[in-house]
Amino acid sequence: MYFILFFLLQSLIFLVNSQEDYHGPIFGIVSIPSDFAQYPSDQWSYFPTSYAKFIESGGAQVVAIQYDLPRENLTALLNSVNGVLFPGGGSNFTDAEGNLTPIAETWKYVVEYVIQQNTEFGNYYPLWGTCLGFEAIAMIIAGNFSLLSKCEKCIDVSKNNFLNTNYTSRLFSGLPQDLEEKLSYANLSHFSEEYKLDIAAFENSPSLVELLTPIAYTYDAAGVKYISAYESPRIPIYATQFHQEGSTYGWGGKTTNHGIDAVRLQQYLSNFLVSEALKNKNVFADFQSHLVENCNVTMVANSSISPAYIFPAIAKRTAISFDDQ
């Protein structure tokens, strides 16, 4: 009898300690150079708070990964988080001479890191891209930063998505049937991009065809069909050209659908992404000091994507170390 009571007590202590130690998955969101007039791009980077809320609504926590971190610091963070998200926004990936910009170099490093983790080290490691992130991942994998074409009247418009019926995707496989049907007629998703990934451009890139598969399409104002979502059949890379996080957390778009079905779609995508991060086994020591909730939220005047997390450029700091992030 004493043995049984002792065993039950020890089990209870273990359960309590395990619950205290468990912090759930942690996502890293990579910042981009600021395009706000009040925050010059050579001094600041940012991402809208909506992306952090998108992750948090699925049950994960968020740390900021500044794009201008030194490589060793960047790698240390990547080794600690359970997944990475590239947000939307506006940024140049090549300069006037055709060289990669610092943001492009960083995002390229992250894409290559994620691919290596999954294919060489057997570490299930998800990567998600939204809008600019969608475009960047495709361009990086294709090795072609002229891959995209102009999108006709694709700024601030809610549209339909049409699923690729020739392929059963992981991302959309659990979508409730009624929501799947509404994707094609209810304008659930908000788009706001200058450029698009055409089907022909995708199919003419052997690297893209080898690693990625289009899973949804939409149309521009000229009736041209283009890719609105893709994933990798082999590793957990996912990207959407549309901003589903805006349905719940973004109020700058004039046409954003905030209806219940658009919010359901956002929640579904968030839940799916966090479930993917649960498969990653990275452990983040001292994660509390790195959480984005420790950062100040900035209301940016005359901006459609305010509020945002704004970060001072690494080059403007002194004595930078991993623990400073």
C-alpha atoms as a PDB file:
ATOM      1  CA  MET A   1       0.000   0.000   0.000  1.00  0.00           C
ATOM      2  CA  TYR A   2       2.833   2.390   0.901  1.00  0.00           C
ATOM      3  CA  PHE A   3       4.530   1.613  -2.396  1.00  0.00           C
ATOM      4  CA  ILE A   4       1.387   2.417  -4.347  1.00  0.00           C
ATOM      5  CA  LEU A   5       0.930   5.756  -2.564  1.00  0.00           C
ATOM      6  CA  PHE A   6       4.594   6.616  -3.118  1.00  0.00           C
ATOM      7  CA  PHE A   7       4.307   5.782  -6.818  1.00  0.00           C
ATOM      8  CA  LEU A   8       1.176   7.918  -7.201  1.00  0.00           C
ATOM      9  CA  LEU A   9       2.836  10.838  -5.404  1.00  0.00           C
ATOM     10  CA  GLN A  10       5.932  10.641  -7.594  1.00  0.00           C
ATOM     11  CA  SER A  11       3.772  10.459 -10.714  1.00  0.00           C
ATOM     12  CA  LEU A  12       1.853  13.552  -9.628  1.00  0.00           C
ATOM     13  CA  ILE A  13       5.091  15.454  -8.962  1.00  0.00           C
ATOM     14  CA  PHE A  14       6.423  14.447 -12.383  1.00  0.00           C
ATOM     15  CA  LEU A  15       3.192  15.536 -14.069  1.00  0.00           C
ATOM     16  CA  VAL A  16       3.252  18.934 -12.341  1.00  0.00           C
ATOM     17  CA  ASN A  17       6.900  19.506 -13.179  1.00  0.00           C
ATOM     18  CA  SER A  18       6.326  18.452 -16.772  1.00  0.00           C
ATOM     19  CA  GLN A  19       3.464  20.926 -17.106  1.00  0.00           C
ATOM     20  CA  GLU A  20       5.632  23.685 -15.662  1.00  0.00           C
ATOM     21  CA  ASP A  21       8.500  22.926 -18.033  1.00  0.00           C
ATOM     22  CA  TYR A  22       6.341  22.661 -21.143  1.00  0.00           C
ATOM     23  CA  HIS A  23       5.989  25.942 -23.010  1.00  0.00           C
ATOM     24  CA  GLY A  24       4.504  24.727 -26.278  1.00  0.00           C
ATOM     25  CA  PRO A  25       6.034  25.336 -29.696  1.00  0.00           C
ATOM     26  CA  ILE A  26       7.879  28.571 -30.386  1.00  0.00           C
ATOM     27  CA  PHE A  27       7.870  30.231 -33.804  1.00  0.00           C
ATOM     28  CA  GLY A  28      10.401  32.703 -35.091  1.00  0.00           C
ATOM     29  CA  ILE A  29       9.125  35.531 -37.303  1.00  0.00           C
ATOM     30  CA  VAL A  30      11.836  37.124 -39.431  1.00  0.00           C
ATOM     31  CA  SER A  31      11.690  40.901 -39.676  1.00  0.00           C
ATOM     32  CA  ILE A  32      12.015  42.972 -42.854  1.00  0.00           C
ATOM     33  CA  PRO A  33      13.504  46.460 -43.386  1.00  0.00           C
ATOM     34  CA  SER A  34      11.102  49.175 -42.315  1.00  0.00           C
ATOM     35  CA  ASP A  35       9.296  51.034 -45.085  1.00  0.00           C
ATOM     36  CA  PHE A  36       7.805  53.621 -42.722  1.00  0.00           C
ATOM     37  CA  ALA A  37       8.870  57.227 -43.216  1.00  0.00           C
ATOM     38  CA  GLN A  38       9.279  57.686 -39.468  1.00  0.00           C
ATOM     39  CA  TYR A  39      11.543  54.626 -39.225  1.00  0.00           C
ATOM     40  CA  PRO A  40      14.231  54.625 -41.976  1.00  0.00           C
ATOM     41  CA  SER A  41      15.069  51.184 -43.359  1.00  0.00           C
ATOM     42  CA  ASP A  42      18.777  51.529 -42.539  1.00  0.00           C
ATOM     43  CA  GLN A  43      17.908  51.981 -38.878  1.00  0.00           C
ATOM     44  CA  TRP A  44      14.833  49.837 -38.292  1.00  0.00           C
ATOM     45  CA  SER A  45      13.146  46.575 -39.188  1.00  0.00           C
ATOM     46  CA  TYR A  46       9.649  45.374 -38.332  1.00  0.00           C
ATOM     47  CA  PHE A  47       6.746  43.041 -38.815  1.00  0.00           C
ATOM     48  CA  PRO A  48       3.040  43.695 -38.122  1.00  0.00           C
ATOM     49  CA  THR A  49       1.657  42.318 -34.884  1.00  0.00           C
ATOM     50  CA  SER A  50      -0.978  40.413 -36.881  1.00  0.00           C
ATOM     51  CA  TYR A  51       1.580  37.742 -37.766  1.00  0.00           C
ATOM     52  CA  ALA A  52       2.452  37.111 -34.132  1.00  0.00           C
ATOM     53  CA  LYS A  53      -1.248  36.915 -33.268  1.00  0.00           C
ATOM     54  CA  PHE A  54      -1.751  34.481 -36.169  1.00  0.00           C
ATOM     55  CA  ILE A  55       0.790  32.126 -34.601  1.00  0.00           C
ATOM     56  CA  GLU A  56      -0.358  32.680 -31.031  1.00  0.00           C
ATOM     57  CA  SER A  57      -3.977  31.920 -31.907  1.00  0.00           C
ATOM     58  CA  GLY A  58      -2.874  28.408 -32.839  1.00  0.00           C
ATOM     59  CA  GLY A  59      -1.291  27.847 -29.427  1.00  0.00           C
ATOM     60  CA  ALA A  60       2.360  28.742 -30.033  1.00  0.00           C
ATOM     61  CA  GLN A  61       4.599  31.522 -28.757  1.00  0.00           C
ATOM     62  CA  VAL A  62       6.638  33.911 -30.904  1.00  0.00           C
ATOM     63  CA  VAL A  63      10.153  35.303 -30.932  1.00  0.00           C
ATOM     64  CA  ALA A  64      11.408  37.975 -33.311  1.00  0.00           C
ATOM     65  CA  ILE A  65      14.336  37.116 -35.573  1.00  0.00           C
ATOM     66  CA  GLN A  66      15.853  40.310 -36.906  1.00  0.00           C
ATOM     67  CA  TYR A  67      16.988  39.921 -40.486  1.00  0.00           C
ATOM     68  CA  ASP A  68      20.244  41.822 -39.789  1.00  0.00           C
ATOM     69  CA  LEU A  69      21.479  39.485 -37.062  1.00  0.00           C
ATOM     70  CA  PRO A  70      25.043  38.174 -37.432  1.00  0.00           C
ATOM     71  CA  ARG A  71      25.019  34.639 -38.834  1.00  0.00           C
ATOM     72  CA  GLU A  72      26.047  32.962 -35.595  1.00  0.00           C
ATOM     73  CA  ASN A  73      23.227  34.680 -33.701  1.00  0.00           C
ATOM     74  CA  LEU A  74      20.738  33.885 -36.442  1.00  0.00           C
ATOM     75  CA  THR A  75      21.778  30.228 -36.428  1.00  0.00           C
ATOM     76  CA  ALA A  76      21.472  30.064 -32.644  1.00  0.00           C
ATOM     77  CA  LEU A  77      17.876  31.273 -32.862  1.00  0.00           C
ATOM     78  CA  LEU A  78      17.053  28.915 -35.728  1.00  0.00           C
ATOM     79  CA  ASN A  79      18.447  26.037 -33.673  1.00  0.00           C
ATOM     80  CA  SER A  80      16.079  26.975 -30.842  1.00  0.00           C
ATOM     81  CA  VAL A  81      12.687  27.688 -32.449  1.00  0.00           C
ATOM     82  CA  ASN A  82      10.252  25.068 -33.738  1.00  0.00           C
ATOM     83  CA  GLY A  83       9.409  26.812 -36.996  1.00  0.00           C
ATOM     84  CA  VAL A  84       9.856  30.036 -38.961  1.00  0.00           C
ATOM     85  CA  LEU A  85       7.455  32.472 -40.604  1.00  0.00           C
ATOM     86  CA  PHE A  86       8.282  35.008 -43.336  1.00  0.00           C
ATOM     87  CA  PRO A  87       5.728  37.859 -43.149  1.00  0.00           C
ATOM     88  CA  GLY A  88       4.240  40.051 -45.832  1.00  0.00           C
ATOM     89  CA  GLY A  89       5.342  43.597 -46.554  1.00  0.00           C
ATOM     90  CA  GLY A  90       7.457  45.354 -49.134  1.00  0.00           C
ATOM     91  CA  SER A  91      11.187  44.894 -49.673  1.00  0.00           C
ATOM     92  CA  ASN A  92      13.723  44.711 -52.488  1.00  0.00           C
ATOM     93  CA  PHE A  93      15.635  41.469 -52.836  1.00  0.00           C
ATOM     94  CA  THR A  94      18.190  42.723 -55.353  1.00  0.00           C
ATOM     95  CA  ASP A  95      19.971  46.056 -55.686  1.00  0.00           C
ATOM     96  CA  ALA A  96      20.645  48.130 -58.810  1.00  0.00           C
ATOM     97  CA  GLU A  97      23.579  45.876 -59.729  1.00  0.00           C
ATOM     98  CA  GLY A  98      21.549  42.700 -59.338  1.00  0.00           C
ATOM     99  CA  ASN A  99      23.186  41.675 -56.066  1.00  0.00           C
ATOM    100  CA  LEU A 100      21.135  40.230 -53.234  1.00  0.00           C
ATOM    101  CA  THR A 101      20.161  42.699 -50.544  1.00  0.00           C
ATOM    102  CA  PRO A 102      20.790  41.880 -46.859  1.00  0.00           C
ATOM    103  CA  ILE A 103      17.174  40.803 -46.344  1.00  0.00           C
ATOM    104  CA  ALA A 104      17.417  38.477 -49.342  1.00  0.00           C
ATOM    105  CA  GLU A 105      20.684  37.013 -48.041  1.00  0.00           C
ATOM    106  CA  THR A 106      19.106  36.303 -44.668  1.00  0.00           C
ATOM    107  CA  TRP A 107      15.900  34.806 -46.000  1.00  0.00           C
ATOM    108  CA  LYS A 108      17.936  32.676 -48.443  1.00  0.00           C
ATOM    109  CA  TYR A 109      20.024  31.412 -45.549  1.00  0.00           C
ATOM    110  CA  VAL A 110      16.858  30.511 -43.607  1.00  0.00           C
ATOM    111  CA  VAL A 111      15.301  28.659 -46.564  1.00  0.00           C
ATOM    112  CA  GLU A 112      18.482  26.664 -47.095  1.00  0.00           C
ATOM    113  CA  TYR A 113      18.702  25.981 -43.362  1.00  0.00           C
ATOM    114  CA  VAL A 114      15.118  24.665 -43.256  1.00  0.00           C
ATOM    115  CA  ILE A 115      15.643  22.438 -46.282  1.00  0.00           C
ATOM    116  CA  GLN A 116      18.828  21.020 -44.763  1.00  0.00           C
ATOM    117  CA  GLN A 117      17.187  20.397 -41.391  1.00  0.00           C
ATOM    118  CA  ASN A 118      14.435  18.392 -43.035  1.00  0.00           C
ATOM    119  CA  THR A 119      16.369  16.529 -45.720  1.00  0.00           C
ATOM    120  CA  GLU A 120      19.772  15.911 -44.138  1.00  0.00           C
ATOM    121  CA  PHE A 121      19.250  15.992 -40.382  1.00  0.00           C
ATOM    122  CA  GLY A 122      15.783  14.462 -40.145  1.00  0.00           C
ATOM    123  CA  ASN A 123      14.526  17.393 -38.080  1.00  0.00           C
ATOM    124  CA  TYR A 124      10.906  18.141 -38.994  1.00  0.00           C
ATOM    125  CA  TYR A 125      11.099  21.911 -39.361  1.00  0.00           C
ATOM    126  CA  PRO A 126       8.184  23.960 -40.790  1.00  0.00           C
ATOM    127  CA  LEU A 127       8.538  27.172 -42.783  1.00  0.00           C
ATOM    128  CA  TRP A 128       5.591  29.423 -43.640  1.00  0.00           C
ATOM    129  CA  GLY A 129       5.512  32.392 -45.998  1.00  0.00           C
ATOM    130  CA  THR A 130       2.773  34.988 -46.423  1.00  0.00           C
ATOM    131  CA  CYS A 131       2.629  37.335 -49.452  1.00  0.00           C
ATOM    132  CA  LEU A 132       6.203  38.690 -49.561  1.00  0.00           C
ATOM    133  CA  GLY A 133       7.234  35.484 -47.812  1.00  0.00           C
ATOM    134  CA  PHE A 134       5.370  33.449 -50.447  1.00  0.00           C
ATOM    135  CA  GLU A 135       7.199  35.314 -53.204  1.00  0.00           C
ATOM    136  CA  ALA A 136      10.598  35.133 -51.519  1.00  0.00           C
ATOM    137  CA  ILE A 137      10.544  31.384 -50.872  1.00  0.00           C
ATOM    138  CA  ALA A 138       9.628  30.704 -54.502  1.00  0.00           C
ATOM    139  CA  MET A 139      12.315  33.047 -55.864  1.00  0.00           C
ATOM    140  CA  ILE A 140      14.975  31.623 -53.547  1.00  0.00           C
ATOM    141  CA  ILE A 141      14.197  28.010 -54.425  1.00  0.00           C
ATOM    142  CA  ALA A 142      14.024  28.868 -58.143  1.00  0.00           C
ATOM    143  CA  GLY A 143      17.287  30.821 -57.910  1.00  0.00           C
ATOM    144  CA  ASN A 144      15.562  33.492 -59.954  1.00  0.00           C
ATOM    145  CA  PHE A 145      14.702  36.890 -58.492  1.00  0.00           C
ATOM    146  CA  SER A 146      12.977  37.910 -61.730  1.00  0.00           C
ATOM    147  CA  LEU A 147      10.529  35.047 -61.425  1.00  0.00           C
ATOM    148  CA  LEU A 148       7.416  37.132 -60.702  1.00  0.00           C
ATOM    149  CA  SER A 149       5.210  39.221 -62.980  1.00  0.00           C
ATOM    150  CA  LYS A 150       3.060  42.266 -62.311  1.00  0.00           C
ATOM    151  CA  CYS A 151      -0.373  41.537 -60.896  1.00  0.00           C
ATOM    152  CA  GLU A 152      -3.289  43.475 -62.369  1.00  0.00           C
ATOM    153  CA  LYS A 153      -5.261  45.290 -59.645  1.00  0.00           C
ATOM    154  CA  CYS A 154      -4.215  42.936 -56.864  1.00  0.00           C
ATOM    155  CA  ILE A 155      -3.777  45.547 -54.118  1.00  0.00           C
ATOM    156  CA  ASP A 156      -6.337  45.415 -51.278  1.00  0.00           C
ATOM    157  CA  VAL A 157      -8.884  43.045 -52.769  1.00  0.00           C
ATOM    158  CA  SER A 158     -10.640  40.027 -51.290  1.00  0.00           C
ATOM    159  CA  LYS A 159     -10.915  37.107 -53.682  1.00  0.00           C
ATOM    160  CA  ASN A 160     -11.674  33.429 -54.009  1.00  0.00           C
ATOM    161  CA  ASN A 161      -9.243  30.531 -53.946  1.00  0.00           C
ATOM    162  CA  PHE A 162      -9.639  27.435 -56.103  1.00  0.00           C
ATOM    163  CA  LEU A 163      -7.983  24.289 -54.787  1.00  0.00           C
ATOM    164  CA  ASN A 164      -5.777  22.117 -56.988  1.00  0.00           C
ATOM    165  CA  THR A 165      -8.025  19.069 -57.387  1.00  0.00           C
ATOM    166  CA  ASN A 166      -5.200  17.035 -58.915  1.00  0.00           C
ATOM    167  CA  TYR A 167      -3.277  17.016 -55.650  1.00  0.00           C
ATOM    168  CA  THR A 168      -4.281  16.267 -52.062  1.00  0.00           C
ATOM    169  CA  SER A 169      -2.408  18.771 -49.941  1.00  0.00           C
ATOM    170  CA  ARG A 170      -1.488  18.414 -46.306  1.00  0.00           C
ATOM    171  CA  LEU A 171      -2.428  22.036 -45.674  1.00  0.00           C
ATOM    172  CA  PHE A 172      -6.020  21.799 -46.885  1.00  0.00           C
ATOM    173  CA  SER A 173      -6.718  18.104 -46.246  1.00  0.00           C
ATOM    174  CA  GLY A 174      -8.480  18.747 -42.932  1.00  0.00           C
ATOM    175  CA  LEU A 175     -10.495  21.746 -44.092  1.00  0.00           C
ATOM    176  CA  PRO A 176     -14.212  21.371 -43.262  1.00  0.00           C
ATOM    177  CA  GLN A 177     -16.193  20.626 -46.400  1.00  0.00           C
ATOM    178  CA  ASP A 178     -18.403  23.684 -46.149  1.00  0.00           C
ATOM    179  CA  LEU A 179     -15.362  25.934 -45.784  1.00  0.00           C
ATOM    180  CA  GLU A 180     -13.644  24.247 -48.713  1.00  0.00           C
ATOM    181  CA  GLU A 181     -16.682  24.965 -50.871  1.00  0.00           C
ATOM    182  CA  LYS A 182     -16.869  28.605 -49.720  1.00  0.00           C
ATOM    183  CA  LEU A 183     -13.237  29.168 -50.722  1.00  0.00           C
ATOM    184  CA  SER A 184     -14.340  29.233 -54.348  1.00  0.00           C
ATOM    185  CA  TYR A 185     -17.203  31.728 -54.087  1.00  0.00           C
ATOM    186  CA  ALA A 186     -17.224  33.692 -50.807  1.00  0.00           C
ATOM    187  CA  ASN A 187     -14.165  35.968 -51.250  1.00  0.00           C
ATOM    188  CA  LEU A 188     -12.737  34.774 -47.926  1.00  0.00           C
ATOM    189  CA  SER A 189      -9.104  35.767 -48.525  1.00  0.00           C
ATOM    190  CA  HIS A 190      -7.489  39.188 -48.673  1.00  0.00           C
ATOM    191  CA  PHE A 191      -4.840  39.822 -51.347  1.00  0.00           C
ATOM    192  CA  SER A 192      -2.540  42.824 -51.562  1.00  0.00           C
ATOM    193  CA  GLU A 193       0.431  42.222 -53.843  1.00  0.00           C
ATOM    194  CA  GLU A 194       2.125  43.966 -56.742  1.00  0.00           C
ATOM    195  CA  TYR A 195       3.531  40.758 -58.186  1.00  0.00           C
ATOM    196  CA  LYS A 196       2.264  37.239 -58.780  1.00  0.00           C
ATOM    197  CA  LEU A 197       3.619  33.777 -59.441  1.00  0.00           C
ATOM    198  CA  ASP A 198       2.285  32.668 -62.808  1.00  0.00           C
ATOM    199  CA  ILE A 199       1.704  29.003 -63.545  1.00  0.00           C
ATOM    200  CA  ALA A 200       4.014  29.073 -66.584  1.00  0.00           C
ATOM    201  CA  ALA A 201       6.836  30.634 -64.564  1.00  0.00           C
ATOM    202  CA  PHE A 202       6.441  27.930 -61.934  1.00  0.00           C
ATOM    203  CA  GLU A 203       6.362  25.093 -64.456  1.00  0.00           C
ATOM    204  CA  ASN A 204       9.430  26.443 -66.283  1.00  0.00           C
ATOM    205  CA  SER A 205      11.507  26.311 -63.102  1.00  0.00           C
ATOM    206  CA  PRO A 206      12.867  22.771 -62.510  1.00  0.00           C
ATOM    207  CA  SER A 207      13.820  23.625 -58.929  1.00  0.00           C
ATOM    208  CA  LEU A 208      10.289  24.736 -58.075  1.00  0.00           C
ATOM    209  CA  VAL A 209       8.677  21.741 -59.751  1.00  0.00           C
ATOM    210  CA  GLU A 210      11.017  19.415 -57.885  1.00  0.00           C
ATOM    211  CA  LEU A 211      10.350  20.799 -54.406  1.00  0.00           C
ATOM    212  CA  LEU A 212       6.958  22.566 -54.443  1.00  0.00           C
ATOM    213  CA  THR A 213       3.411  21.916 -55.650  1.00  0.00           C
ATOM    214  CA  PRO A 214       0.715  24.568 -56.260  1.00  0.00           C
ATOM    215  CA  ILE A 215      -2.273  23.812 -54.026  1.00  0.00           C
ATOM    216  CA  ALA A 216      -4.538  26.802 -54.776  1.00  0.00           C
ATOM    217  CA  TYR A 217      -5.105  29.364 -57.526  1.00  0.00           C
ATOM    218  CA  THR A 218      -6.854  32.683 -58.016  1.00  0.00           C
ATOM    219  CA  TYR A 219      -7.277  35.259 -60.821  1.00  0.00           C
ATOM    220  CA  ASP A 220      -6.168  38.847 -61.345  1.00  0.00           C
ATOM    221  CA  ALA A 221      -8.380  41.618 -62.727  1.00  0.00           C
ATOM    222  CA  ALA A 222      -7.413  40.659 -66.279  1.00  0.00           C
ATOM    223  CA  GLY A 223      -8.636  37.106 -65.726  1.00  0.00           C
ATOM    224  CA  VAL A 224      -5.133  35.625 -65.575  1.00  0.00           C
ATOM    225  CA  LYS A 225      -4.903  32.562 -63.352  1.00  0.00           C
ATOM    226  CA  TYR A 226      -1.998  32.505 -60.903  1.00  0.00           C
ATOM    227  CA  ILE A 227      -0.823  30.534 -57.883  1.00  0.00           C
ATOM    228  CA  SER A 228      -2.191  31.619 -54.511  1.00  0.00           C
ATOM    229  CA  ALA A 229      -0.777  28.837 -52.301  1.00  0.00           C
ATOM    230  CA  TYR A 230       1.823  26.102 -52.518  1.00  0.00           C
ATOM    231  CA  GLU A 231       3.451  23.497 -50.320  1.00  0.00           C
ATOM    232  CA  SER A 232       6.239  20.971 -50.560  1.00  0.00           C
ATOM    233  CA  PRO A 233       5.114  17.352 -50.824  1.00  0.00           C
ATOM    234  CA  ARG A 234       8.364  16.251 -49.175  1.00  0.00           C
ATOM    235  CA  ILE A 235       9.047  18.726 -46.372  1.00  0.00           C
ATOM    236  CA  PRO A 236       6.894  21.159 -44.329  1.00  0.00           C
ATOM    237  CA  ILE A 237       7.146  24.309 -46.440  1.00  0.00           C
ATOM    238  CA  TYR A 238       3.879  26.192 -46.909  1.00  0.00           C
ATOM    239  CA  ALA A 239       3.048  29.608 -48.347  1.00  0.00           C
ATOM    240  CA  THR A 240       0.017  31.696 -49.237  1.00  0.00           C
ATOM    241  CA  GLN A 241      -0.088  34.788 -51.412  1.00  0.00           C
ATOM    242  CA  PHE A 242      -3.134  35.920 -49.422  1.00  0.00           C
ATOM    243  CA  HIS A 243      -3.276  37.436 -45.931  1.00  0.00           C
ATOM    244  CA  GLN A 244      -5.625  35.226 -43.961  1.00  0.00           C
ATOM    245  CA  GLU A 245      -4.272  36.620 -40.691  1.00  0.00           C
ATOM    246  CA  GLY A 246      -5.926  39.894 -41.686  1.00  0.00           C
ATOM    247  CA  SER A 247      -9.418  38.426 -41.325  1.00  0.00           C
ATOM    248  CA  THR A 248      -8.966  38.324 -37.567  1.00  0.00           C
ATOM    249  CA  TYR A 249      -6.092  40.651 -36.782  1.00  0.00           C
ATOM    250  CA  GLY A 250      -5.700  43.118 -39.653  1.00  0.00           C
ATOM    251  CA  TRP A 251      -7.872  46.218 -39.980  1.00  0.00           C
ATOM    252  CA  GLY A 252      -5.948  48.259 -42.550  1.00  0.00           C
ATOM    253  CA  GLY A 253      -7.376  46.619 -45.657  1.00  0.00           C
ATOM    254  CA  LYS A 254     -10.560  48.241 -46.900  1.00  0.00           C
ATOM    255  CA  THR A 255     -11.838  45.030 -48.508  1.00  0.00           C
ATOM    256  CA  THR A 256     -10.721  42.483 -45.900  1.00  0.00           C
ATOM    257  CA  ASN A 257     -13.385  39.901 -45.151  1.00  0.00           C
ATOM    258  CA  HIS A 258     -13.872  39.760 -41.362  1.00  0.00           C
ATOM    259  CA  GLY A 259     -16.856  37.417 -41.543  1.00  0.00           C
ATOM    260  CA  ILE A 260     -17.127  34.235 -39.531  1.00  0.00           C
ATOM    261  CA  ASP A 261     -16.018  31.954 -42.371  1.00  0.00           C
ATOM    262  CA  ALA A 262     -12.933  34.065 -43.124  1.00  0.00           C
ATOM    263  CA  VAL A 263     -12.062  33.915 -39.424  1.00  0.00           C
ATOM    264  CA  ARG A 264     -12.649  30.152 -39.399  1.00  0.00           C
ATOM    265  CA  LEU A 265     -10.211  29.814 -42.281  1.00  0.00           C
ATOM    266  CA  GLN A 266      -7.619  31.860 -40.392  1.00  0.00           C
ATOM    267  CA  GLN A 267      -8.031  29.714 -37.303  1.00  0.00           C
ATOM    268  CA  TYR A 268      -7.779  26.525 -39.332  1.00  0.00           C
ATOM    269  CA  LEU A 269      -4.517  27.636 -40.930  1.00  0.00           C
ATOM    270  CA  SER A 270      -3.089  28.753 -37.574  1.00  0.00           C
ATOM    271  CA  ASN A 271      -3.998  25.460 -35.937  1.00  0.00           C
ATOM    272  CA  PHE A 272      -2.475  23.510 -38.804  1.00  0.00           C
ATOM    273  CA  LEU A 273       0.788  25.422 -38.720  1.00  0.00           C
ATOM    274  CA  VAL A 274       1.214  25.057 -34.964  1.00  0.00           C
ATOM    275  CA  SER A 275       0.448  21.335 -35.246  1.00  0.00           C
ATOM    276  CA  GLU A 276       3.360  21.112 -37.674  1.00  0.00           C
ATOM    277  CA  ALA A 277       5.634  22.914 -35.206  1.00  0.00           C
ATOM    278  CA  LEU A 278       4.725  20.345 -32.549  1.00  0.00           C
ATOM    279  CA  LYS A 279       6.612  17.768 -34.635  1.00  0.00           C
ATOM    280  CA  ASN A 280       9.850  19.722 -34.228  1.00  0.00           C
ATOM    281  CA  LYS A 281      12.014  18.704 -31.257  1.00  0.00           C
ATOM    282  CA  ASN A 282      14.123  21.851 -30.776  1.00  0.00           C
ATOM    283  CA  VAL A 283      14.372  23.121 -27.219  1.00  0.00           C
ATOM    284  CA  PHE A 284      14.614  26.858 -26.508  1.00  0.00           C
ATOM    285  CA  ALA A 285      16.562  27.604 -23.332  1.00  0.00           C
ATOM    286  CA  ASP A 286      15.624  30.868 -21.620  1.00  0.00           C
ATOM    287  CA  PHE A 287      12.851  31.443 -24.147  1.00  0.00           C
ATOM    288  CA  GLN A 288      10.969  33.864 -21.879  1.00  0.00           C
ATOM    289  CA  SER A 289      13.461  36.678 -22.430  1.00  0.00           C
ATOM    290  CA  HIS A 290      13.177  36.299 -26.193  1.00  0.00           C
ATOM    291  CA  LEU A 291       9.406  36.332 -26.574  1.00  0.00           C
ATOM    292  CA  VAL A 292       8.007  39.052 -28.800  1.00  0.00           C
ATOM    293  CA  GLU A 293       5.569  40.006 -26.055  1.00  0.00           C
ATOM    294  CA  ASN A 294       8.584  41.623 -24.350  1.00  0.00           C
ATOM    295  CA  CYS A 295       8.881  44.024 -27.296  1.00  0.00           C
ATOM    296  CA  ASN A 296       7.063  47.318 -27.605  1.00  0.00           C
ATOM    297  CA  VAL A 297       4.126  47.546 -29.973  1.00  0.00           C
ATOM    298  CA  THR A 298       4.326  50.684 -32.116  1.00  0.00           C
ATOM    299  CA  MET A 299       1.382  52.471 -33.663  1.00  0.00           C
ATOM    300  CA  VAL A 300       2.693  53.763 -36.978  1.00  0.00           C
ATOM    301  CA  ALA A 301       0.982  56.894 -38.270  1.00  0.00           C
ATOM    302  CA  ASN A 302      -0.625  56.747 -41.728  1.00  0.00           C
ATOM    303  CA  SER A 303       0.075  53.030 -42.104  1.00  0.00           C
ATOM    304  CA  SER A 304      -2.372  50.348 -43.194  1.00  0.00           C
ATOM    305  CA  ILE A 305      -0.403  47.652 -41.344  1.00  0.00           C
ATOM    306  CA  SER A 306      -0.155  49.307 -37.942  1.00  0.00           C
ATOM    307  CA  PRO A 307       0.361  48.240 -35.181  1.00  0.00           C
ATOM    308  CA  ALA A 308       3.775  46.678 -35.605  1.00  0.00           C
ATOM    309  CA  TYR A 309       6.822  45.459 -33.757  1.00  0.00           C
ATOM    310  CA  ILE A 310       9.693  47.812 -34.604  1.00  0.00           C
ATOM    311  CA  PHE A 311      13.319  46.794 -34.002  1.00  0.00           C
ATOM    312  CA  PRO A 312      16.424  49.016 -34.054  1.00  0.00           C
ATOM    313  CA  ALA A 313      19.021  47.908 -36.592  1.00  0.00           C
ATOM    314  CA  ILE A 314      21.712  45.621 -35.221  1.00  0.00           C
ATOM    315  CA  ALA A 315      24.373  47.891 -36.733  1.00  0.00           C
ATOM    316  CA  LYS A 316      23.146  50.713 -34.488  1.00  0.00           C
ATOM    317  CA  ARG A 317      23.758  48.671 -31.343  1.00  0.00           C
ATOM    318  CA  THR A 318      26.854  47.806 -29.408  1.00  0.00           C
ATOM    319  CA  ALA A 319      28.035  44.579 -27.786  1.00  0.00           C
ATOM    320  CA  ILE A 320      25.422  42.489 -29.596  1.00  0.00           C
ATOM    321  CA  SER A 321      25.096  38.906 -28.423  1.00  0.00           C
ATOM    322  CA  PHE A 322      22.523  36.157 -28.749  1.00  0.00           C
ATOM    323  CA  ASP A 323      21.153  37.042 -25.324  1.00  0.00           C
ATOM    324  CA  ASP A 324      20.367  40.564 -26.513  1.00  0.00           C
ATOM    325  CA  GLN A 325      17.679  39.277 -28.888  1.00  0.00           C
END
